[in-house]
C-alpha atoms as a PDB file:
ATOM      1  CA  MET A   1       2.598 -13.344  10.625  1.00  0.00           C
ATOM      2  CA  GLN A   2       0.728 -11.796  13.517  1.00  0.00           C
ATOM      3  CA  VAL A   3      -3.019 -11.387  12.935  1.00  0.00           C
ATOM      4  CA  PHE A   4      -5.357  -8.982  14.704  1.00  0.00           C
ATOM      5  CA  LYS A   5      -9.076  -9.421  14.131  1.00  0.00           C
ATOM      6  CA  VAL A   6     -10.966  -6.166  14.657  1.00  0.00           C
ATOM      7  CA  ALA A   7     -14.636  -5.233  14.649  1.00  0.00           C
ATOM      8  CA  ASP A   8     -14.488  -2.768  11.776  1.00  0.00           C
ATOM      9  CA  GLN A   9     -12.371  -0.379   9.735  1.00  0.00           C
ATOM     10  CA  ALA A  10     -12.373   2.267  12.457  1.00  0.00           C
ATOM     11  CA  GLU A  11     -10.836  -0.119  14.975  1.00  0.00           C
ATOM     12  CA  GLY A  12      -8.411  -1.356  12.333  1.00  0.00           C
ATOM     13  CA  GLY A  13      -7.177   2.139  11.595  1.00  0.00           C
ATOM     14  CA  GLN A  14      -6.675   2.778  15.296  1.00  0.00           C
ATOM     15  CA  LYS A  15      -4.662  -0.431  15.697  1.00  0.00           C
ATOM     16  CA  ALA A  16      -2.440   0.401  12.728  1.00  0.00           C
ATOM     17  CA  TYR A  17      -1.858   3.861  14.159  1.00  0.00           C
ATOM     18  CA  GLU A  18      -0.783   2.327  17.481  1.00  0.00           C
ATOM     19  CA  LEU A  19       1.742   0.157  15.648  1.00  0.00           C
ATOM     20  CA  LEU A  20       3.017   3.218  13.788  1.00  0.00           C
ATOM     21  CA  ARG A  21       3.512   5.095  17.041  1.00  0.00           C
ATOM     22  CA  GLU A  22       5.426   2.143  18.476  1.00  0.00           C
ATOM     23  CA  ALA A  23       7.621   2.063  15.383  1.00  0.00           C
ATOM     24  CA  ILE A  24       8.372   5.789  15.644  1.00  0.00           C
ATOM     25  CA  ASN A  25       9.213   5.410  19.317  1.00  0.00           C
ATOM     26  CA  GLY A  26      11.590   2.648  18.223  1.00  0.00           C
ATOM     27  CA  GLY A  27      13.384   4.980  15.817  1.00  0.00           C
ATOM     28  CA  ALA A  28      11.524   4.494  12.508  1.00  0.00           C
ATOM     29  CA  LYS A  29      12.202   7.353  10.089  1.00  0.00           C
ATOM     30  CA  THR A  30      11.032   6.155   6.664  1.00  0.00           C
ATOM     31  CA  PHE A  31       7.476   5.064   5.925  1.00  0.00           C
ATOM     32  CA  GLY A  32       6.030   3.216   2.962  1.00  0.00           C
ATOM     33  CA  LEU A  33       2.511   4.472   2.313  1.00  0.00           C
ATOM     34  CA  ALA A  34      -0.559   3.118   0.533  1.00  0.00           C
ATOM     35  CA  THR A  35      -3.647   4.725  -0.968  1.00  0.00           C
ATOM     36  CA  GLY A  36      -7.256   3.740  -1.619  1.00  0.00           C
ATOM     37  CA  SER A  37     -10.146   3.408   0.793  1.00  0.00           C
ATOM     38  CA  THR A  38      -8.447   0.839   3.056  1.00  0.00           C
ATOM     39  CA  PRO A  39      -5.944   3.083   4.904  1.00  0.00           C
ATOM     40  CA  VAL A  40      -8.254   6.106   5.285  1.00  0.00           C
ATOM     41  CA  THR A  41      -9.053   5.504   8.975  1.00  0.00           C
ATOM     42  CA  PHE A  42      -5.361   4.928   9.642  1.00  0.00           C
ATOM     43  CA  TYR A  43      -4.553   8.330   8.152  1.00  0.00           C
ATOM     44  CA  GLU A  44      -7.386   9.927  10.124  1.00  0.00           C
ATOM     45  CA  ASN A  45      -5.779   8.708  13.336  1.00  0.00           C
ATOM     46  CA  VAL A  46      -2.375   9.981  12.236  1.00  0.00           C
ATOM     47  CA  VAL A  47      -3.731  13.418  11.307  1.00  0.00           C
ATOM     48  CA  ASN A  48      -5.526  13.741  14.660  1.00  0.00           C
ATOM     49  CA  SER A  49      -2.416  12.764  16.607  1.00  0.00           C
ATOM     50  CA  ASP A  50       0.507  14.757  17.976  1.00  0.00           C
ATOM     51  CA  LEU A  51       3.021  12.856  15.834  1.00  0.00           C
ATOM     52  CA  ASP A  52       5.633  15.035  14.113  1.00  0.00           C
ATOM     53  CA  PHE A  53       6.907  13.952  10.682  1.00  0.00           C
ATOM     54  CA  SER A  54       9.058  16.989   9.924  1.00  0.00           C
ATOM     55  CA  ASP A  55      12.205  14.855  10.073  1.00  0.00           C
ATOM     56  CA  LYS A  56      10.613  11.796   8.422  1.00  0.00           C
ATOM     57  CA  THR A  57      10.480  10.460   4.853  1.00  0.00           C
ATOM     58  CA  SER A  58       7.576   8.849   3.000  1.00  0.00           C
ATOM     59  CA  ILE A  59       7.711   6.592  -0.049  1.00  0.00           C
ATOM     60  CA  ASN A  60       4.451   5.686  -1.740  1.00  0.00           C
ATOM     61  CA  LEU A  61       3.699   2.319  -3.273  1.00  0.00           C
ATOM     62  CA  ASP A  62       2.375   3.418  -6.633  1.00  0.00           C
ATOM     63  CA  GLU A  63       0.860   5.954  -9.007  1.00  0.00           C
ATOM     64  CA  TYR A  64      -1.331   5.773 -12.081  1.00  0.00           C
ATOM     65  CA  VAL A  65       0.409   6.276 -15.412  1.00  0.00           C
ATOM     66  CA  GLY A  66      -0.886   9.402 -17.126  1.00  0.00           C
ATOM     67  CA  LEU A  67      -2.084  11.314 -14.051  1.00  0.00           C
ATOM     68  CA  ASP A  68      -0.224  14.218 -12.459  1.00  0.00           C
ATOM     69  CA  GLY A  69      -0.534  15.372  -8.866  1.00  0.00           C
ATOM     70  CA  ALA A  70      -3.167  17.985  -9.704  1.00  0.00           C
ATOM     71  CA  ASN A  71      -5.590  15.302 -10.909  1.00  0.00           C
ATOM     72  CA  ASP A  72      -8.017  14.472  -8.119  1.00  0.00           C
ATOM     73  CA  GLN A  73      -7.748  10.748  -8.952  1.00  0.00           C
ATOM     74  CA  SER A  74      -3.963  10.671  -8.668  1.00  0.00           C
ATOM     75  CA  TYR A  75      -2.363   9.149  -5.622  1.00  0.00           C
ATOM     76  CA  ARG A  76      -0.312  12.309  -5.039  1.00  0.00           C
ATOM     77  CA  TYR A  77      -3.610  14.190  -4.695  1.00  0.00           C
ATOM     78  CA  PHE A  78      -4.984  11.489  -2.375  1.00  0.00           C
ATOM     79  CA  MET A  79      -1.936  11.705  -0.106  1.00  0.00           C
ATOM     80  CA  ASN A  80      -2.115  15.499   0.030  1.00  0.00           C
ATOM     81  CA  GLU A  81      -5.805  15.388   0.967  1.00  0.00           C
ATOM     82  CA  HIS A  82      -5.507  12.624   3.566  1.00  0.00           C
ATOM     83  CA  LEU A  83      -2.097  13.236   5.135  1.00  0.00           C
ATOM     84  CA  PHE A  84       0.536  15.549   3.672  1.00  0.00           C
ATOM     85  CA  ASN A  85      -1.489  18.780   3.918  1.00  0.00           C
ATOM     86  CA  PHE A  86      -1.879  18.148   7.652  1.00  0.00           C
ATOM     87  CA  LYS A  87       1.377  16.392   8.556  1.00  0.00           C
ATOM     88  CA  PRO A  88       4.325  17.748   6.551  1.00  0.00           C
ATOM     89  CA  PHE A  89       7.252  15.364   6.058  1.00  0.00           C
ATOM     90  CA  LYS A  90      10.884  16.212   5.450  1.00  0.00           C
ATOM     91  CA  GLU A  91      10.446  14.661   2.004  1.00  0.00           C
ATOM     92  CA  ASN A  92       7.775  12.721   0.145  1.00  0.00           C
ATOM     93  CA  PHE A  93       8.438  10.388  -2.768  1.00  0.00           C
ATOM     94  CA  LEU A  94       5.840   9.111  -5.255  1.00  0.00           C
ATOM     95  CA  PRO A  95       6.296   7.719  -8.754  1.00  0.00           C
ATOM     96  CA  ASN A  96       5.841  10.298 -11.506  1.00  0.00           C
ATOM     97  CA  GLY A  97       2.854   9.115 -13.498  1.00  0.00           C
ATOM     98  CA  LYS A  98       3.522  11.750 -16.168  1.00  0.00           C
ATOM     99  CA  ALA A  99       7.158  10.781 -16.737  1.00  0.00           C
ATOM    100  CA  SER A 100       8.062  10.952 -20.428  1.00  0.00           C
ATOM    101  CA  ASN A 101      10.319   7.916 -20.075  1.00  0.00           C
ATOM    102  CA  LEU A 102       8.757   5.251 -17.868  1.00  0.00           C
ATOM    103  CA  ASP A 103      11.846   3.032 -17.944  1.00  0.00           C
ATOM    104  CA  GLU A 104      13.930   5.857 -16.532  1.00  0.00           C
ATOM    105  CA  GLU A 105      11.259   6.634 -13.933  1.00  0.00           C
ATOM    106  CA  VAL A 106      11.296   3.017 -12.771  1.00  0.00           C
ATOM    107  CA  LYS A 107      15.091   3.171 -12.331  1.00  0.00           C
ATOM    108  CA  ARG A 108      14.806   6.489 -10.490  1.00  0.00           C
ATOM    109  CA  TYR A 109      12.275   5.081  -8.048  1.00  0.00           C
ATOM    110  CA  ASP A 110      14.374   1.984  -7.369  1.00  0.00           C
ATOM    111  CA  GLY A 111      17.161   4.394  -6.465  1.00  0.00           C
ATOM    112  CA  VAL A 112      14.871   6.263  -4.077  1.00  0.00           C
ATOM    113  CA  ILE A 113      13.953   3.031  -2.266  1.00  0.00           C
ATOM    114  CA  ASP A 114      17.577   1.886  -2.082  1.00  0.00           C
ATOM    115  CA  ALA A 115      18.651   5.258  -0.681  1.00  0.00           C
ATOM    116  CA  HIS A 116      15.836   5.339   1.905  1.00  0.00           C
ATOM    117  CA  PRO A 117      15.276   1.863   3.392  1.00  0.00           C
ATOM    118  CA  ILE A 118      11.666   1.588   4.561  1.00  0.00           C
ATOM    119  CA  ASP A 119      11.192   1.037   8.292  1.00  0.00           C
ATOM    120  CA  PHE A 120       7.381   0.713   8.341  1.00  0.00           C
ATOM    121  CA  GLN A 121       5.254  -0.215   5.332  1.00  0.00           C
ATOM    122  CA  ILE A 122       1.456   0.066   5.192  1.00  0.00           C
ATOM    123  CA  LEU A 123      -0.276  -2.241   2.698  1.00  0.00           C
ATOM    124  CA  GLY A 124      -3.770  -3.042   1.553  1.00  0.00           C
ATOM    125  CA  ILE A 125      -4.714  -6.173  -0.357  1.00  0.00           C
ATOM    126  CA  GLY A 126      -6.729  -6.517  -3.535  1.00  0.00           C
ATOM    127  CA  GLY A 127      -9.559  -8.959  -3.922  1.00  0.00           C
ATOM    128  CA  ASN A 128      -7.262 -10.961  -6.214  1.00  0.00           C
ATOM    129  CA  GLY A 129      -4.440 -10.919  -3.657  1.00  0.00           C
ATOM    130  CA  HIS A 130      -2.410  -8.102  -5.163  1.00  0.00           C
ATOM    131  CA  ILE A 131      -0.210  -5.872  -2.991  1.00  0.00           C
ATOM    132  CA  GLY A 132       0.683  -2.512  -4.411  1.00  0.00           C
ATOM    133  CA  PHE A 133      -0.290  -3.029  -8.038  1.00  0.00           C
ATOM    134  CA  ASN A 134       1.543  -6.355  -8.216  1.00  0.00           C
ATOM    135  CA  GLU A 135      -1.126  -8.435  -9.900  1.00  0.00           C
ATOM    136  CA  PRO A 136      -1.337 -12.266  -9.835  1.00  0.00           C
ATOM    137  CA  GLY A 137       1.497 -13.738 -11.868  1.00  0.00           C
ATOM    138  CA  THR A 138       3.983 -11.028 -10.883  1.00  0.00           C
ATOM    139  CA  SER A 139       7.433 -12.393 -10.067  1.00  0.00           C
ATOM    140  CA  PHE A 140       8.463 -12.131  -6.439  1.00  0.00           C
ATOM    141  CA  ASP A 141      11.859 -10.847  -7.639  1.00  0.00           C
ATOM    142  CA  VAL A 142      10.582  -7.743  -9.425  1.00  0.00           C
ATOM    143  CA  THR A 143      11.400  -4.252  -8.144  1.00  0.00           C
ATOM    144  CA  THR A 144       9.659  -1.066  -9.342  1.00  0.00           C
ATOM    145  CA  HIS A 145       7.895  -1.701 -12.639  1.00  0.00           C
ATOM    146  CA  VAL A 146       5.123  -0.551 -14.970  1.00  0.00           C
ATOM    147  CA  VAL A 147       2.011  -2.666 -14.463  1.00  0.00           C
ATOM    148  CA  ASP A 148      -0.860  -3.445 -16.806  1.00  0.00           C
ATOM    149  CA  LEU A 149      -3.809  -3.405 -14.419  1.00  0.00           C
ATOM    150  CA  ALA A 150      -5.949  -6.527 -14.254  1.00  0.00           C
ATOM    151  CA  PRO A 151      -9.609  -6.177 -15.321  1.00  0.00           C
ATOM    152  CA  GLU A 152     -10.790  -6.895 -11.765  1.00  0.00           C
ATOM    153  CA  THR A 153      -8.514  -4.144 -10.428  1.00  0.00           C
ATOM    154  CA  ILE A 154      -9.850  -1.669 -12.982  1.00  0.00           C
ATOM    155  CA  ALA A 155     -13.406  -2.651 -12.067  1.00  0.00           C
ATOM    156  CA  ALA A 156     -12.699  -2.318  -8.330  1.00  0.00           C
ATOM    157  CA  ASN A 157     -11.201   1.152  -8.773  1.00  0.00           C
ATOM    158  CA  ALA A 158     -13.949   2.364 -11.113  1.00  0.00           C
ATOM    159  CA  ARG A 159     -15.989   3.537  -8.118  1.00  0.00           C
ATOM    160  CA  PHE A 160     -13.552   6.426  -7.721  1.00  0.00           C
ATOM    161  CA  PHE A 161     -14.019   7.605 -11.324  1.00  0.00           C
ATOM    162  CA  GLU A 162     -17.007   8.964 -13.241  1.00  0.00           C
ATOM    163  CA  ASN A 163     -16.821   6.071 -15.696  1.00  0.00           C
ATOM    164  CA  GLU A 164     -14.874   2.805 -15.737  1.00  0.00           C
ATOM    165  CA  SER A 165     -13.393   3.897 -19.067  1.00  0.00           C
ATOM    166  CA  ASP A 166     -11.680   6.756 -17.192  1.00  0.00           C
ATOM    167  CA  VAL A 167      -9.645   4.383 -15.004  1.00  0.00           C
ATOM    168  CA  PRO A 168      -6.000   4.317 -16.148  1.00  0.00           C
ATOM    169  CA  ARG A 169      -4.892   0.984 -17.569  1.00  0.00           C
ATOM    170  CA  GLN A 170      -1.340   1.172 -16.234  1.00  0.00           C
ATOM    171  CA  ALA A 171       0.436   2.142 -13.034  1.00  0.00           C
ATOM    172  CA  ILE A 172       3.977   2.429 -11.741  1.00  0.00           C
ATOM    173  CA  SER A 173       4.267   0.180  -8.701  1.00  0.00           C
ATOM    174  CA  MET A 174       6.857  -0.657  -6.122  1.00  0.00           C
ATOM    175  CA  GLY A 175       7.692  -4.305  -6.812  1.00  0.00           C
ATOM    176  CA  ILE A 176       7.283  -7.267  -4.490  1.00  0.00           C
ATOM    177  CA  ALA A 177      11.033  -7.515  -3.909  1.00  0.00           C
ATOM    178  CA  SER A 178      11.034  -3.822  -2.948  1.00  0.00           C
ATOM    179  CA  ILE A 179       8.138  -4.291  -0.512  1.00  0.00           C
ATOM    180  CA  LEU A 180       9.868  -7.245   1.126  1.00  0.00           C
ATOM    181  CA  LYS A 181      12.883  -5.060   1.949  1.00  0.00           C
ATOM    182  CA  SER A 182      10.745  -3.144   4.457  1.00  0.00           C
ATOM    183  CA  LYS A 183      11.703  -3.831   8.060  1.00  0.00           C
ATOM    184  CA  GLN A 184       8.095  -3.962   9.273  1.00  0.00           C
ATOM    185  CA  ILE A 185       4.913  -4.487   7.242  1.00  0.00           C
ATOM    186  CA  VAL A 186       1.354  -3.789   8.412  1.00  0.00           C
ATOM    187  CA  LEU A 187      -1.382  -5.006   6.074  1.00  0.00           C
ATOM    188  CA  LEU A 188      -4.994  -3.854   6.437  1.00  0.00           C
ATOM    189  CA  ALA A 189      -7.973  -5.772   5.046  1.00  0.00           C
ATOM    190  CA  PHE A 190     -11.623  -4.788   5.421  1.00  0.00           C
ATOM    191  CA  GLY A 191     -14.818  -6.225   3.950  1.00  0.00           C
ATOM    192  CA  LYS A 192     -16.057  -9.561   2.650  1.00  0.00           C
ATOM    193  CA  ALA A 193     -14.642  -8.897  -0.819  1.00  0.00           C
ATOM    194  CA  LYS A 194     -11.162  -9.392   0.691  1.00  0.00           C
ATOM    195  CA  ALA A 195     -11.946 -12.670   2.507  1.00  0.00           C
ATOM    196  CA  GLU A 196     -10.653 -15.069  -0.165  1.00  0.00           C
ATOM    197  CA  ALA A 197      -7.471 -13.056  -0.627  1.00  0.00           C
ATOM    198  CA  VAL A 198      -6.837 -12.932   3.132  1.00  0.00           C
ATOM    199  CA  LYS A 199      -7.313 -16.694   3.388  1.00  0.00           C
ATOM    200  CA  GLY A 200      -4.900 -17.265   0.506  1.00  0.00           C
ATOM    201  CA  MET A 201      -2.357 -14.896   2.019  1.00  0.00           C
ATOM    202  CA  LEU A 202      -2.417 -16.521   5.448  1.00  0.00           C
ATOM    203  CA  GLU A 203      -3.242 -20.177   4.825  1.00  0.00           C
ATOM    204  CA  GLY A 204      -2.544 -20.906   1.173  1.00  0.00           C
ATOM    205  CA  PRO A 205       0.721 -21.866  -0.476  1.00  0.00           C
ATOM    206  CA  VAL A 206       3.230 -19.149  -1.308  1.00  0.00           C
ATOM    207  CA  THR A 207       2.387 -18.580  -4.944  1.00  0.00           C
ATOM    208  CA  THR A 208       2.352 -15.779  -7.478  1.00  0.00           C
ATOM    209  CA  ASP A 209      -1.338 -16.624  -7.981  1.00  0.00           C
ATOM    210  CA  CYS A 210      -1.841 -14.757  -4.682  1.00  0.00           C
ATOM    211  CA  PRO A 211       0.989 -12.210  -4.525  1.00  0.00           C
ATOM    212  CA  ALA A 212       0.297 -11.344  -0.864  1.00  0.00           C
ATOM    213  CA  SER A 213       1.125 -14.942   0.124  1.00  0.00           C
ATOM    214  CA  VAL A 214       4.814 -14.043  -0.201  1.00  0.00           C
ATOM    215  CA  LEU A 215       4.449 -12.109   3.052  1.00  0.00           C
ATOM    216  CA  GLN A 216       4.603 -15.497   4.782  1.00  0.00           C
ATOM    217  CA  ASN A 217       8.344 -15.295   4.056  1.00  0.00           C
ATOM    218  CA  HIS A 218       8.837 -11.944   5.815  1.00  0.00           C
ATOM    219  CA  ALA A 219      10.028 -11.813   9.413  1.00  0.00           C
ATOM    220  CA  ASN A 220       7.828  -8.944  10.650  1.00  0.00           C
ATOM    221  CA  VAL A 221       4.292  -8.772   9.224  1.00  0.00           C
ATOM    222  CA  THR A 222       1.122  -7.776  11.055  1.00  0.00           C
ATOM    223  CA  VAL A 223      -2.268  -8.343   9.427  1.00  0.00           C
ATOM    224  CA  ILE A 224      -5.223  -6.315  10.693  1.00  0.00           C
ATOM    225  CA  ALA A 225      -8.528  -7.657   9.354  1.00  0.00           C
ATOM    226  CA  ASP A 226     -12.135  -6.974  10.240  1.00  0.00           C
ATOM    227  CA  LYS A 227     -14.635  -9.757  10.865  1.00  0.00           C
ATOM    228  CA  GLU A 228     -15.728  -9.990   7.246  1.00  0.00           C
ATOM    229  CA  ALA A 229     -12.225 -10.009   5.770  1.00  0.00           C
ATOM    230  CA  ALA A 230     -11.144 -12.639   8.337  1.00  0.00           C
ATOM    231  CA  SER A 231     -14.286 -14.746   7.974  1.00  0.00           C
ATOM    232  CA  LEU A 232     -12.653 -17.606   6.036  1.00  0.00           C
ATOM    233  CA  ILE A 233      -9.470 -18.059   8.046  1.00  0.00           C
ATOM    234  CA  LYS A 234      -9.164 -20.806  10.637  1.00  0.00           C
END
């Protein structure tokens, strides 16, 4: 894995944007996208650029179970507010958190990923090492699945909700095996709360205890971490 240490989140978002532009110049057409506070500066750079996505496809990592796109805490809403309203794509795919049959929705989303191989995947990392919503203990062989969110993940996401009790307890997430199919992966990590996870990802054994450590087995991964997130790595 290639590692870039940056001063802060603003510089990290700029670096990720530069890698995206290089990928597009190299012919990338399908992009795996992440949500949350981590990629916000990346999306700001994309929105302020001259990049055209009208012939491109996006596939998001995950969505909360029980929330539809009109809910301001849904990831569909987040993507509209931070990217899609400003940079229209040919097509956008996200899991349907309101699907009446979650098993069928999981199969549908696996079909979407198989039909649209991801050229460039943006990831964040949880404080417990999760990627997407693939919590510690998740098999590396799993594709799209319904996840019971770990207590620490619920607590970390509570800042976006009025009360922690409002945080959904489940999500539909692209699986680790699905993520690893991506041709290029760029992972962003900012803040001291991510330092242990970044160390485990880069220097620890490949173990389901730190799901992100599996990225050591991928041929094209770039990690962009600020000083605090990179503070424990050698």
